[in-house]
Protein backbone atom coordinates (compact mmCIF):
# COMPACT_ATOMS: atom_id res chain seq x y z
CA MET A 1 13.12 -7.58 10.01
CA ARG A 2 10.17 -8.23 7.40
CA ARG A 3 8.85 -11.22 9.61
CA ARG A 4 8.98 -9.14 12.93
CA ILE A 5 6.92 -6.15 11.15
CA ARG A 6 4.63 -8.71 9.84
CA SER A 7 3.98 -9.76 13.40
CA ARG A 8 3.58 -5.91 14.50
CA THR A 9 0.93 -5.19 11.97
CA ASN A 10 -0.88 -8.85 12.86
CA GLY A 11 0.50 -10.03 9.10
CA ARG A 12 -2.89 -9.71 7.77
CA SER A 13 -3.99 -5.96 8.04
CA PRO A 14 -4.62 -4.62 4.66
CA GLU A 15 -1.37 -2.03 5.32
CA THR A 16 1.08 -4.64 6.11
CA ASP A 17 2.46 -5.44 2.53
CA ALA A 18 3.02 -1.67 2.08
CA VAL A 19 4.44 -1.15 6.00
CA VAL A 20 6.73 -4.07 5.02
CA LEU A 21 7.78 -2.66 1.62
CA LEU A 22 8.48 0.68 2.72
CA ALA A 23 10.12 -0.09 5.59
CA SER A 24 12.53 -2.55 3.50
CA GLU A 25 13.38 0.28 1.22
CA LEU A 26 14.41 2.71 4.26
CA PHE A 27 16.48 0.05 5.59
CA THR A 28 18.34 -0.84 2.35
CA ASN A 29 18.79 2.83 1.74
CA SER A 30 20.46 3.11 5.39
CA LEU A 31 22.93 0.12 4.63
CA ARG A 32 23.76 1.59 0.85
CA HIS A 33 23.96 5.49 2.04
CA SER A 34 25.13 5.92 5.58
CA ARG A 35 27.92 4.91 7.82
CA SER A 36 25.64 2.32 8.87
CA GLY A 37 26.51 0.14 6.09
CA GLY A 38 30.09 -0.23 6.89
CA PRO A 39 31.87 -2.84 9.12
CA GLY A 40 30.33 -2.87 12.77
CA GLY A 41 27.19 -0.86 11.19
CA GLU A 42 23.89 -0.38 12.84
CA VAL A 43 20.43 0.24 11.83
CA THR A 44 17.45 0.00 14.01
CA VAL A 45 14.07 -0.11 12.71
CA ALA A 46 11.04 0.56 15.39
CA VAL A 47 7.55 -0.41 14.39
CA PHE A 48 4.58 1.54 16.10
CA LYS A 49 0.83 0.98 16.01
CA LEU A 50 -0.85 4.10 17.04
CA PRO A 51 -4.40 5.00 16.93
CA GLY A 52 -5.64 4.90 13.12
CA ARG A 53 -2.03 4.25 12.00
CA TYR A 54 1.50 2.97 11.63
CA GLN A 55 4.80 4.74 12.20
CA VAL A 56 8.03 3.32 11.22
CA ARG A 57 11.48 4.46 12.29
CA VAL A 58 14.47 3.74 10.73
CA THR A 59 17.73 5.33 12.30
CA ASP A 60 21.19 4.92 11.09
CA GLN A 61 24.50 6.12 12.04
CA GLY A 62 24.27 9.18 9.72
CA PRO A 63 25.98 10.39 6.66
CA ARG A 64 29.14 9.00 5.09
CA GLU A 65 31.75 11.77 4.94
CA SER A 66 32.43 12.39 1.08
CA GLU A 67 33.95 14.96 -0.85
CA GLU A 68 30.99 17.10 -1.79
CA GLY A 69 30.07 17.19 2.14
CA ASP A 70 27.62 15.36 4.14
CA SER A 71 24.48 13.90 2.14
CA PHE A 72 21.24 13.33 3.89
CA PRO A 73 18.33 11.66 2.55
CA HIS A 74 16.09 13.99 0.06
CA LEU A 75 14.13 13.07 -2.85
CA ARG A 76 16.34 13.09 -6.16
CA THR A 77 15.34 14.46 -9.14
CA LEU A 78 13.37 11.69 -11.12
CA ASP A 79 15.70 10.01 -13.56
CA PRO A 80 13.82 7.17 -15.65
CA LEU A 81 16.98 5.90 -16.97
CA SER A 82 18.86 5.43 -13.64
CA GLU A 83 18.92 2.17 -11.87
CA GLY A 84 18.29 3.81 -8.14
CA GLY A 85 17.03 6.91 -7.01
CA PHE A 86 13.36 5.54 -6.54
CA GLY A 87 13.41 4.21 -3.07
CA LEU A 88 12.64 7.09 -1.13
CA ARG A 89 10.32 8.50 -3.73
CA LEU A 90 8.03 5.29 -3.31
CA VAL A 91 7.97 6.32 0.33
CA ALA A 92 7.05 9.80 -0.58
CA ASN A 93 4.46 8.72 -2.70
CA GLU A 94 2.90 5.65 -0.74
CA ALA A 95 3.21 6.90 2.87
CA SER A 96 0.55 9.07 4.41
CA ARG A 97 3.32 11.08 5.96
CA TRP A 98 6.91 10.89 5.99
CA GLY A 99 9.93 13.05 7.28
CA THR A 100 13.96 12.84 8.43
CA ILE A 101 15.27 13.80 11.89
CA HIS A 102 18.95 14.39 12.39
CA GLU A 103 20.21 14.52 15.67
CA ASP A 104 23.23 13.36 17.80
CA GLY A 105 24.89 12.40 14.30
CA ARG A 106 22.34 9.88 13.49
CA THR A 107 19.68 9.92 10.86
CA THR A 108 16.21 8.90 11.31
CA VAL A 109 14.01 8.62 7.99
CA TRP A 110 10.10 8.16 9.49
CA PHE A 111 7.08 7.32 7.61
CA GLU A 112 3.25 6.75 8.72
CA LEU A 113 0.61 5.00 7.30
CA ASP A 114 -3.03 5.41 7.84
CA ARG A 115 -4.72 2.17 8.67
CA VAL A 116 -8.00 1.47 6.75
CA PRO A 117 -10.91 1.24 9.38
CA PRO A 118 -12.44 -2.30 9.96
CA THR A 119 -15.61 -2.97 7.98
CA LEU A 120 -18.64 -4.40 9.68
CA ASP A 121 -20.11 -7.25 7.97
CA SER A 122 -24.04 -7.12 7.55
């Protein structure tokens, strides 16, 4: 996944490392917290190079059923002693925009990262 994202962002743009990092966080969250992490699970990662920005959409098979009901991606209360719960916060802090879409039993977490305009050499 990381290699494919690098190829979509030309691998050398100033934003490439951030796009790869944030997409990796969302991919890992999908495996860890959704039905996609189970046998036969599936996660789709789509990368779009749009005018002035990159957009990444990570779609999984929706929340796992739990005793507490369905759980959709959301920012958790910051607990510095916890070993987890920082991935989505990283996306929220580093992305230009982000959000979630819930439809047809699937969950998509998306983010956009504005591209730095190229500078002209004198």
